[in-house]
Amino acid sequence: MSKADVLFVNMCRGILDHGYSTEGQQVRARWEDGAPAYTIKNFGVVNRYDLSEEFPALTLRRTAIRTAVDEVLWIWQRKSNNIHDLHAHIWDEWADESGSIGKAYGYQMRQKYPFPQGEMDQVDNVLWQLKHTPMSRRILTNMYNFQDLSEMNLEPCAYSMTFNVTGNRLNAVLNQRSQDILAANNWNVCQYAVLLMMIAQVSGLEAGELVHVIADAHVYDRHIPIIRELIERPQYPAPKVTINPDVTDFYAFTPEDVHVENYQHGPQVENIPIAV
């Protein structure tokens, strides 16, 4: 069975059995019909995925790994904040008539700052440091820019990556302020796992551990029966996921460079209601 399945099931059971319900509280999110979207939540969930052991894809249901990678490259590589540069429609609810999501995500990643080695953006700084100062404890990105929050159509959920080199292994901590566990958990895990693999490869390192820290890990009220059914499904071995070994430039990667083999999984969950 996939180790990601085990972590996911334990996390969901912990939330459902021991979490705090926001029912009756003042909440921001709403369902499409206008009803308040209450949650059951746990604070400070930490999951660890060792990419040297297996790729952390759920097998309880299929995660669209290449589509998830396209989104993370939209942010980290194309550094875009316009949905017209993205192939999926996951951001449509937050885009304006021009396709912009405001000064969020890719917008923040393309802003240049005066680093000691010269002016560059956050992604280029990470790549430069991993090549020239891999033992640094300051290799990180942060998209939660307070001065621009009022001009973001959605404040960043997964907002920070901290990279750390141990021997020849590149490890990373993904910090997330909030997560819809059903809709987004394994999506984020898979896309940042592939991102870690890509950055490790172009830096001459091996992908190590991805540590996912979620401040508010929640299950929405209308997702509870779906989660209960999902975590009782059969589990299968993790798929094999590799990236094109010939790519040495991070900006040359495409979703087609991600290869997924032997992905056994349960049926997809259709028409998940999304709170906005």
C-alpha atoms as a PDB file:
ATOM      1  CA  MET A   1       0.000   0.000   0.000  1.00  0.00           C
ATOM      2  CA  SER A   2       1.048   3.587  -0.571  1.00  0.00           C
ATOM      3  CA  LYS A   3       2.555   5.288   2.478  1.00  0.00           C
ATOM      4  CA  ALA A   4       0.720   8.427   1.363  1.00  0.00           C
ATOM      5  CA  ASP A   5      -2.557   6.527   1.765  1.00  0.00           C
ATOM      6  CA  VAL A   6      -1.667   5.586   5.334  1.00  0.00           C
ATOM      7  CA  LEU A   7      -0.774   9.180   6.234  1.00  0.00           C
ATOM      8  CA  PHE A   8      -3.929  10.500   4.564  1.00  0.00           C
ATOM      9  CA  VAL A   9      -6.246   8.027   6.293  1.00  0.00           C
ATOM     10  CA  ASN A  10      -4.688   8.687   9.706  1.00  0.00           C
ATOM     11  CA  MET A  11      -4.898  12.445   9.176  1.00  0.00           C
ATOM     12  CA  CYS A  12      -8.563  12.277   8.134  1.00  0.00           C
ATOM     13  CA  ARG A  13      -9.519  10.022  11.034  1.00  0.00           C
ATOM     14  CA  GLY A  14      -7.722  12.348  13.415  1.00  0.00           C
ATOM     15  CA  ILE A  15      -9.703  15.310  12.095  1.00  0.00           C
ATOM     16  CA  LEU A  16     -13.080  13.552  12.043  1.00  0.00           C
ATOM     17  CA  ASP A  17     -12.654  11.885  15.444  1.00  0.00           C
ATOM     18  CA  HIS A  18     -10.839  14.582  17.394  1.00  0.00           C
ATOM     19  CA  GLY A  19     -11.150  17.818  15.400  1.00  0.00           C
ATOM     20  CA  TYR A  20     -12.821  21.080  16.342  1.00  0.00           C
ATOM     21  CA  SER A  21     -16.117  21.929  14.621  1.00  0.00           C
ATOM     22  CA  THR A  22     -16.671  25.508  13.473  1.00  0.00           C
ATOM     23  CA  GLU A  23     -20.436  24.994  13.189  1.00  0.00           C
ATOM     24  CA  GLY A  24     -22.224  28.040  14.540  1.00  0.00           C
ATOM     25  CA  GLN A  25     -19.087  30.184  14.351  1.00  0.00           C
ATOM     26  CA  GLN A  26     -18.616  33.168  12.043  1.00  0.00           C
ATOM     27  CA  VAL A  27     -16.856  31.750   8.967  1.00  0.00           C
ATOM     28  CA  ARG A  28     -15.817  33.458   5.723  1.00  0.00           C
ATOM     29  CA  ALA A  29     -16.270  30.624   3.228  1.00  0.00           C
ATOM     30  CA  ARG A  30     -19.652  30.007   1.608  1.00  0.00           C
ATOM     31  CA  TRP A  31     -21.179  27.265  -0.504  1.00  0.00           C
ATOM     32  CA  GLU A  32     -22.568  28.068  -3.925  1.00  0.00           C
ATOM     33  CA  ASP A  33     -26.077  28.343  -2.438  1.00  0.00           C
ATOM     34  CA  GLY A  34     -24.844  30.954   0.055  1.00  0.00           C
ATOM     35  CA  ALA A  35     -24.845  28.689   3.112  1.00  0.00           C
ATOM     36  CA  PRO A  36     -21.873  29.014   5.478  1.00  0.00           C
ATOM     37  CA  ALA A  37     -19.200  26.373   4.852  1.00  0.00           C
ATOM     38  CA  TYR A  38     -18.381  24.968   8.280  1.00  0.00           C
ATOM     39  CA  THR A  39     -15.428  22.660   8.894  1.00  0.00           C
ATOM     40  CA  ILE A  40     -13.973  20.138  11.286  1.00  0.00           C
ATOM     41  CA  LYS A  41     -10.321  21.015  11.726  1.00  0.00           C
ATOM     42  CA  ASN A  42      -7.069  20.127  13.437  1.00  0.00           C
ATOM     43  CA  PHE A  43      -4.287  22.608  14.057  1.00  0.00           C
ATOM     44  CA  GLY A  44      -0.674  22.016  13.147  1.00  0.00           C
ATOM     45  CA  VAL A  45      -0.756  18.809  11.091  1.00  0.00           C
ATOM     46  CA  VAL A  46       2.685  17.648   9.929  1.00  0.00           C
ATOM     47  CA  ASN A  47       3.177  14.905   7.335  1.00  0.00           C
ATOM     48  CA  ARG A  48       6.575  13.653   6.139  1.00  0.00           C
ATOM     49  CA  TYR A  49       7.173  12.056   2.734  1.00  0.00           C
ATOM     50  CA  ASP A  50      10.545  10.493   1.886  1.00  0.00           C
ATOM     51  CA  LEU A  51      10.795  10.711  -1.886  1.00  0.00           C
ATOM     52  CA  SER A  52      13.736   8.302  -1.907  1.00  0.00           C
ATOM     53  CA  GLU A  53      11.338   5.576  -0.730  1.00  0.00           C
ATOM     54  CA  GLU A  54       8.303   6.137  -2.972  1.00  0.00           C
ATOM     55  CA  PHE A  55       6.267   8.834  -4.648  1.00  0.00           C
ATOM     56  CA  PRO A  56       3.495  10.142  -2.330  1.00  0.00           C
ATOM     57  CA  ALA A  57       0.439   9.750  -4.569  1.00  0.00           C
ATOM     58  CA  LEU A  58      -2.852   8.559  -3.123  1.00  0.00           C
ATOM     59  CA  THR A  59      -4.217   5.338  -4.527  1.00  0.00           C
ATOM     60  CA  LEU A  60      -7.587   5.668  -2.769  1.00  0.00           C
ATOM     61  CA  ARG A  61      -8.483   7.830  -5.762  1.00  0.00           C
ATOM     62  CA  ARG A  62      -6.477   9.192  -8.670  1.00  0.00           C
ATOM     63  CA  THR A  63      -4.510  12.419  -8.374  1.00  0.00           C
ATOM     64  CA  ALA A  64      -3.984  14.095 -11.749  1.00  0.00           C
ATOM     65  CA  ILE A  65      -0.232  14.400 -11.263  1.00  0.00           C
ATOM     66  CA  ARG A  66       0.689  16.091 -14.554  1.00  0.00           C
ATOM     67  CA  THR A  67      -2.132  18.625 -14.161  1.00  0.00           C
ATOM     68  CA  ALA A  68      -0.942  19.362 -10.629  1.00  0.00           C
ATOM     69  CA  VAL A  69       2.581  19.840 -11.969  1.00  0.00           C
ATOM     70  CA  ASP A  70       1.294  22.243 -14.614  1.00  0.00           C
ATOM     71  CA  GLU A  71      -0.133  24.430 -11.842  1.00  0.00           C
ATOM     72  CA  VAL A  72       3.051  24.469  -9.771  1.00  0.00           C
ATOM     73  CA  LEU A  73       5.095  25.311 -12.881  1.00  0.00           C
ATOM     74  CA  TRP A  74       2.574  28.084 -13.649  1.00  0.00           C
ATOM     75  CA  ILE A  75       3.575  29.596 -10.295  1.00  0.00           C
ATOM     76  CA  TRP A  76       7.271  28.702  -9.985  1.00  0.00           C
ATOM     77  CA  GLN A  77       8.472  28.557 -13.574  1.00  0.00           C
ATOM     78  CA  ARG A  78       6.126  30.667 -15.710  1.00  0.00           C
ATOM     79  CA  LYS A  79       5.578  32.944 -12.679  1.00  0.00           C
ATOM     80  CA  SER A  80       2.141  33.834 -13.934  1.00  0.00           C
ATOM     81  CA  ASN A  81      -0.933  35.109 -12.137  1.00  0.00           C
ATOM     82  CA  ASN A  82      -3.211  34.804 -15.182  1.00  0.00           C
ATOM     83  CA  ILE A  83      -5.355  31.721 -15.723  1.00  0.00           C
ATOM     84  CA  HIS A  84      -4.933  32.007 -19.495  1.00  0.00           C
ATOM     85  CA  ASP A  85      -1.399  30.662 -18.909  1.00  0.00           C
ATOM     86  CA  LEU A  86      -2.792  27.627 -17.058  1.00  0.00           C
ATOM     87  CA  HIS A  87      -4.340  24.594 -18.713  1.00  0.00           C
ATOM     88  CA  ALA A  88      -6.647  23.561 -15.846  1.00  0.00           C
ATOM     89  CA  HIS A  89      -9.679  25.509 -14.638  1.00  0.00           C
ATOM     90  CA  ILE A  90      -9.003  25.273 -10.899  1.00  0.00           C
ATOM     91  CA  TRP A  91      -8.449  29.018 -10.550  1.00  0.00           C
ATOM     92  CA  ASP A  92     -11.434  30.206 -12.576  1.00  0.00           C
ATOM     93  CA  GLU A  93     -13.475  31.138  -9.471  1.00  0.00           C
ATOM     94  CA  TRP A  94     -10.812  33.625  -8.355  1.00  0.00           C
ATOM     95  CA  ALA A  95      -9.965  35.267 -11.698  1.00  0.00           C
ATOM     96  CA  ASP A  96     -11.278  38.606 -12.958  1.00  0.00           C
ATOM     97  CA  GLU A  97     -12.524  39.313 -16.480  1.00  0.00           C
ATOM     98  CA  SER A  98      -8.936  39.553 -17.773  1.00  0.00           C
ATOM     99  CA  GLY A  99      -7.949  36.218 -16.209  1.00  0.00           C
ATOM    100  CA  SER A 100      -5.843  37.759 -13.435  1.00  0.00           C
ATOM    101  CA  ILE A 101      -5.930  36.486  -9.855  1.00  0.00           C
ATOM    102  CA  GLY A 102      -4.333  39.719  -8.655  1.00  0.00           C
ATOM    103  CA  LYS A 103      -0.930  40.102  -7.031  1.00  0.00           C
ATOM    104  CA  ALA A 104      -0.875  36.473  -5.882  1.00  0.00           C
ATOM    105  CA  TYR A 105       1.266  33.370  -6.415  1.00  0.00           C
ATOM    106  CA  GLY A 106       3.196  33.765  -9.686  1.00  0.00           C
ATOM    107  CA  TYR A 107       3.107  37.543  -9.386  1.00  0.00           C
ATOM    108  CA  GLN A 108       5.060  37.287  -6.136  1.00  0.00           C
ATOM    109  CA  MET A 109       7.540  34.793  -7.567  1.00  0.00           C
ATOM    110  CA  ARG A 110       8.552  37.092 -10.426  1.00  0.00           C
ATOM    111  CA  GLN A 111       9.261  40.138  -8.273  1.00  0.00           C
ATOM    112  CA  LYS A 112      12.982  40.944  -8.137  1.00  0.00           C
ATOM    113  CA  TYR A 113      14.876  41.721  -4.936  1.00  0.00           C
ATOM    114  CA  PRO A 114      18.438  42.958  -4.245  1.00  0.00           C
ATOM    115  CA  PHE A 115      20.099  39.744  -3.065  1.00  0.00           C
ATOM    116  CA  PRO A 116      23.844  39.800  -2.190  1.00  0.00           C
ATOM    117  CA  GLN A 117      24.656  38.074  -5.500  1.00  0.00           C
ATOM    118  CA  GLY A 118      22.597  40.581  -7.482  1.00  0.00           C
ATOM    119  CA  GLU A 119      19.000  41.425  -8.307  1.00  0.00           C
ATOM    120  CA  MET A 120      16.872  38.354  -8.964  1.00  0.00           C
ATOM    121  CA  ASP A 121      13.542  36.808  -8.076  1.00  0.00           C
ATOM    122  CA  GLN A 122      12.917  34.221  -5.352  1.00  0.00           C
ATOM    123  CA  VAL A 123      13.087  31.168  -7.621  1.00  0.00           C
ATOM    124  CA  ASP A 124      16.359  32.225  -9.216  1.00  0.00           C
ATOM    125  CA  ASN A 125      17.745  32.933  -5.757  1.00  0.00           C
ATOM    126  CA  VAL A 126      16.926  29.378  -4.641  1.00  0.00           C
ATOM    127  CA  LEU A 127      18.569  27.907  -7.734  1.00  0.00           C
ATOM    128  CA  TRP A 128      21.644  30.129  -7.301  1.00  0.00           C
ATOM    129  CA  GLN A 129      22.076  29.277  -3.627  1.00  0.00           C
ATOM    130  CA  LEU A 130      21.711  25.539  -4.184  1.00  0.00           C
ATOM    131  CA  LYS A 131      24.492  25.744  -6.744  1.00  0.00           C
ATOM    132  CA  HIS A 132      26.850  28.116  -4.905  1.00  0.00           C
ATOM    133  CA  THR A 133      25.991  27.932  -1.167  1.00  0.00           C
ATOM    134  CA  PRO A 134      24.143  24.624  -0.652  1.00  0.00           C
ATOM    135  CA  MET A 135      24.937  24.539   3.082  1.00  0.00           C
ATOM    136  CA  SER A 136      23.061  27.796   3.633  1.00  0.00           C
ATOM    137  CA  ARG A 137      20.141  27.705   6.057  1.00  0.00           C
ATOM    138  CA  ARG A 138      18.511  30.640   4.282  1.00  0.00           C
ATOM    139  CA  ILE A 139      17.259  28.973   1.096  1.00  0.00           C
ATOM    140  CA  LEU A 140      13.553  29.720   1.051  1.00  0.00           C
ATOM    141  CA  THR A 141      10.662  31.411  -0.713  1.00  0.00           C
ATOM    142  CA  ASN A 142       7.669  33.307   0.677  1.00  0.00           C
ATOM    143  CA  MET A 143       4.585  34.403  -1.265  1.00  0.00           C
ATOM    144  CA  TYR A 144       2.750  35.905   1.716  1.00  0.00           C
ATOM    145  CA  ASN A 145       3.547  39.545   0.988  1.00  0.00           C
ATOM    146  CA  PHE A 146       1.491  41.636   3.400  1.00  0.00           C
ATOM    147  CA  GLN A 147       1.672  44.835   1.383  1.00  0.00           C
ATOM    148  CA  ASP A 148      -0.014  43.092  -1.568  1.00  0.00           C
ATOM    149  CA  LEU A 149      -2.656  41.033   0.270  1.00  0.00           C
ATOM    150  CA  SER A 150      -5.434  43.528  -0.447  1.00  0.00           C
ATOM    151  CA  GLU A 151      -4.760  43.110  -4.167  1.00  0.00           C
ATOM    152  CA  MET A 152      -4.824  39.311  -4.154  1.00  0.00           C
ATOM    153  CA  ASN A 153      -8.050  37.591  -5.198  1.00  0.00           C
ATOM    154  CA  LEU A 154      -7.048  34.752  -2.847  1.00  0.00           C
ATOM    155  CA  GLU A 155      -4.348  34.966  -0.221  1.00  0.00           C
ATOM    156  CA  PRO A 156      -1.749  32.198  -0.695  1.00  0.00           C
ATOM    157  CA  CYS A 157      -2.613  28.901   0.992  1.00  0.00           C
ATOM    158  CA  ALA A 158       0.674  27.061   0.352  1.00  0.00           C
ATOM    159  CA  TYR A 159       2.890  30.088   0.815  1.00  0.00           C
ATOM    160  CA  SER A 160       6.459  29.085   1.679  1.00  0.00           C
ATOM    161  CA  MET A 161       9.116  26.518   0.802  1.00  0.00           C
ATOM    162  CA  THR A 162      12.285  26.123   2.862  1.00  0.00           C
ATOM    163  CA  PHE A 163      15.047  24.049   1.261  1.00  0.00           C
ATOM    164  CA  ASN A 164      17.774  22.257   3.178  1.00  0.00           C
ATOM    165  CA  VAL A 165      20.665  20.172   1.857  1.00  0.00           C
ATOM    166  CA  THR A 166      21.840  17.197   3.917  1.00  0.00           C
ATOM    167  CA  GLY A 167      24.712  15.339   2.281  1.00  0.00           C
ATOM    168  CA  ASN A 168      23.567  14.865  -1.306  1.00  0.00           C
ATOM    169  CA  ARG A 169      19.865  15.061  -0.433  1.00  0.00           C
ATOM    170  CA  LEU A 170      17.655  18.059  -0.987  1.00  0.00           C
ATOM    171  CA  ASN A 171      14.877  18.280   1.600  1.00  0.00           C
ATOM    172  CA  ALA A 172      12.124  20.864   1.844  1.00  0.00           C
ATOM    173  CA  VAL A 173       9.407  22.119   4.188  1.00  0.00           C
ATOM    174  CA  LEU A 174       6.160  23.241   2.577  1.00  0.00           C
ATOM    175  CA  ASN A 175       4.239  25.626   4.835  1.00  0.00           C
ATOM    176  CA  GLN A 176       0.510  25.963   4.306  1.00  0.00           C
ATOM    177  CA  ARG A 177      -1.765  28.260   6.315  1.00  0.00           C
ATOM    178  CA  SER A 178      -4.981  26.420   5.383  1.00  0.00           C
ATOM    179  CA  GLN A 179      -5.995  23.323   3.448  1.00  0.00           C
ATOM    180  CA  ASP A 180      -9.215  21.772   2.180  1.00  0.00           C
ATOM    181  CA  ILE A 181      -8.144  18.174   2.802  1.00  0.00           C
ATOM    182  CA  LEU A 182     -10.493  16.499   0.319  1.00  0.00           C
ATOM    183  CA  ALA A 183     -10.013  18.890  -2.579  1.00  0.00           C
ATOM    184  CA  ALA A 184      -6.370  19.857  -2.221  1.00  0.00           C
ATOM    185  CA  ASN A 185      -4.258  17.716   0.095  1.00  0.00           C
ATOM    186  CA  ASN A 186      -2.717  15.161  -2.234  1.00  0.00           C
ATOM    187  CA  TRP A 187      -2.803  17.622  -5.125  1.00  0.00           C
ATOM    188  CA  ASN A 188      -0.413  19.892  -3.201  1.00  0.00           C
ATOM    189  CA  VAL A 189       1.700  16.981  -1.947  1.00  0.00           C
ATOM    190  CA  CYS A 190       2.213  15.575  -5.453  1.00  0.00           C
ATOM    191  CA  GLN A 191       2.962  18.901  -7.120  1.00  0.00           C
ATOM    192  CA  TYR A 192       5.507  19.987  -4.514  1.00  0.00           C
ATOM    193  CA  ALA A 193       7.068  16.520  -4.484  1.00  0.00           C
ATOM    194  CA  VAL A 194       7.672  16.834  -8.242  1.00  0.00           C
ATOM    195  CA  LEU A 195       8.909  20.413  -7.785  1.00  0.00           C
ATOM    196  CA  LEU A 196      11.415  19.140  -5.208  1.00  0.00           C
ATOM    197  CA  MET A 197      12.528  16.410  -7.616  1.00  0.00           C
ATOM    198  CA  MET A 198      13.024  18.940 -10.416  1.00  0.00           C
ATOM    199  CA  ILE A 199      14.993  21.421  -8.316  1.00  0.00           C
ATOM    200  CA  ALA A 200      17.111  18.619  -6.860  1.00  0.00           C
ATOM    201  CA  GLN A 201      17.960  17.281 -10.315  1.00  0.00           C
ATOM    202  CA  VAL A 202      19.062  20.617 -11.773  1.00  0.00           C
ATOM    203  CA  SER A 203      21.103  21.255  -8.608  1.00  0.00           C
ATOM    204  CA  GLY A 204      22.993  17.944  -8.847  1.00  0.00           C
ATOM    205  CA  LEU A 205      21.238  16.540  -5.761  1.00  0.00           C
ATOM    206  CA  GLU A 206      18.922  13.670  -4.876  1.00  0.00           C
ATOM    207  CA  ALA A 207      15.346  14.352  -3.800  1.00  0.00           C
ATOM    208  CA  GLY A 208      14.989  13.647  -0.088  1.00  0.00           C
ATOM    209  CA  GLU A 209      12.189  14.440   2.312  1.00  0.00           C
ATOM    210  CA  LEU A 210       9.182  16.704   1.795  1.00  0.00           C
ATOM    211  CA  VAL A 211       7.723  17.876   5.098  1.00  0.00           C
ATOM    212  CA  HIS A 212       4.213  19.303   4.774  1.00  0.00           C
ATOM    213  CA  VAL A 213       3.105  21.606   7.607  1.00  0.00           C
ATOM    214  CA  ILE A 214      -0.577  22.582   7.617  1.00  0.00           C
ATOM    215  CA  ALA A 215      -1.699  25.182  10.150  1.00  0.00           C
ATOM    216  CA  ASP A 216      -5.449  24.634   9.625  1.00  0.00           C
ATOM    217  CA  ALA A 217      -6.169  21.173   8.198  1.00  0.00           C
ATOM    218  CA  HIS A 218      -9.904  20.964   7.665  1.00  0.00           C
ATOM    219  CA  VAL A 219     -12.711  18.875   6.240  1.00  0.00           C
ATOM    220  CA  TYR A 220     -15.751  20.843   5.102  1.00  0.00           C
ATOM    221  CA  ASP A 221     -19.148  19.776   6.455  1.00  0.00           C
ATOM    222  CA  ARG A 222     -20.429  18.705   3.021  1.00  0.00           C
ATOM    223  CA  HIS A 223     -17.255  16.674   2.442  1.00  0.00           C
ATOM    224  CA  ILE A 224     -17.565  14.522   5.577  1.00  0.00           C
ATOM    225  CA  PRO A 225     -19.533  11.623   4.020  1.00  0.00           C
ATOM    226  CA  ILE A 226     -17.209  11.644   0.995  1.00  0.00           C
ATOM    227  CA  ILE A 227     -14.127  11.451   3.239  1.00  0.00           C
ATOM    228  CA  ARG A 228     -15.669   8.664   5.336  1.00  0.00           C
ATOM    229  CA  GLU A 229     -16.228   6.575   2.203  1.00  0.00           C
ATOM    230  CA  LEU A 230     -12.842   7.446   0.713  1.00  0.00           C
ATOM    231  CA  ILE A 231     -10.732   6.353   3.686  1.00  0.00           C
ATOM    232  CA  GLU A 232     -12.381   2.908   3.757  1.00  0.00           C
ATOM    233  CA  ARG A 233     -11.377   2.092   0.189  1.00  0.00           C
ATOM    234  CA  PRO A 234      -8.749  -0.497  -0.782  1.00  0.00           C
ATOM    235  CA  GLN A 235      -5.171   0.750  -0.946  1.00  0.00           C
ATOM    236  CA  TYR A 236      -2.606  -0.108  -3.622  1.00  0.00           C
ATOM    237  CA  PRO A 237       1.181   0.202  -3.976  1.00  0.00           C
ATOM    238  CA  ALA A 238       2.471   3.668  -4.792  1.00  0.00           C
ATOM    239  CA  PRO A 239       3.022   4.464  -8.478  1.00  0.00           C
ATOM    240  CA  LYS A 240       6.483   5.034  -9.873  1.00  0.00           C
ATOM    241  CA  VAL A 241       6.968   8.686 -10.812  1.00  0.00           C
ATOM    242  CA  THR A 242      10.139   9.886 -12.529  1.00  0.00           C
ATOM    243  CA  ILE A 243      11.237  13.009 -14.366  1.00  0.00           C
ATOM    244  CA  ASN A 244      13.192  13.340 -17.577  1.00  0.00           C
ATOM    245  CA  PRO A 245      16.853  12.834 -16.532  1.00  0.00           C
ATOM    246  CA  ASP A 246      18.135  14.859 -19.492  1.00  0.00           C
ATOM    247  CA  VAL A 247      16.714  18.181 -18.248  1.00  0.00           C
ATOM    248  CA  THR A 248      19.364  20.286 -16.499  1.00  0.00           C
ATOM    249  CA  ASP A 249      17.624  23.685 -16.632  1.00  0.00           C
ATOM    250  CA  PHE A 250      14.647  24.174 -14.312  1.00  0.00           C
ATOM    251  CA  TYR A 251      12.993  26.470 -16.859  1.00  0.00           C
ATOM    252  CA  ALA A 252      13.095  23.732 -19.490  1.00  0.00           C
ATOM    253  CA  PHE A 253      10.816  21.323 -17.608  1.00  0.00           C
ATOM    254  CA  THR A 254       7.289  20.692 -18.883  1.00  0.00           C
ATOM    255  CA  PRO A 255       4.541  18.470 -17.447  1.00  0.00           C
ATOM    256  CA  GLU A 256       5.375  15.989 -20.213  1.00  0.00           C
ATOM    257  CA  ASP A 257       8.752  15.432 -18.519  1.00  0.00           C
ATOM    258  CA  VAL A 258       6.896  13.744 -15.657  1.00  0.00           C
ATOM    259  CA  HIS A 259       6.396  10.012 -16.194  1.00  0.00           C
ATOM    260  CA  VAL A 260       3.855   8.036 -14.161  1.00  0.00           C
ATOM    261  CA  GLU A 261       3.941   4.242 -14.205  1.00  0.00           C
ATOM    262  CA  ASN A 262       1.862   1.498 -12.586  1.00  0.00           C
ATOM    263  CA  TYR A 263      -0.678   3.836 -11.017  1.00  0.00           C
ATOM    264  CA  GLN A 264      -3.401   1.649  -9.530  1.00  0.00           C
ATOM    265  CA  HIS A 265      -6.148   3.620  -7.837  1.00  0.00           C
ATOM    266  CA  GLY A 266      -9.769   3.647  -6.797  1.00  0.00           C
ATOM    267  CA  PRO A 267     -12.521   5.496  -8.666  1.00  0.00           C
ATOM    268  CA  GLN A 268     -12.387   9.264  -8.902  1.00  0.00           C
ATOM    269  CA  VAL A 269     -14.578  11.377  -6.624  1.00  0.00           C
ATOM    270  CA  GLU A 270     -16.792  13.372  -8.957  1.00  0.00           C
ATOM    271  CA  ASN A 271     -18.372  16.807  -8.477  1.00  0.00           C
ATOM    272  CA  ILE A 272     -16.741  17.764  -5.177  1.00  0.00           C
ATOM    273  CA  PRO A 273     -18.483  20.909  -3.905  1.00  0.00           C
ATOM    274  CA  ILE A 274     -15.997  23.752  -3.449  1.00  0.00           C
ATOM    275  CA  ALA A 275     -16.420  26.453  -0.818  1.00  0.00           C
ATOM    276  CA  VAL A 276     -15.388  29.959  -1.870  1.00  0.00           C
END
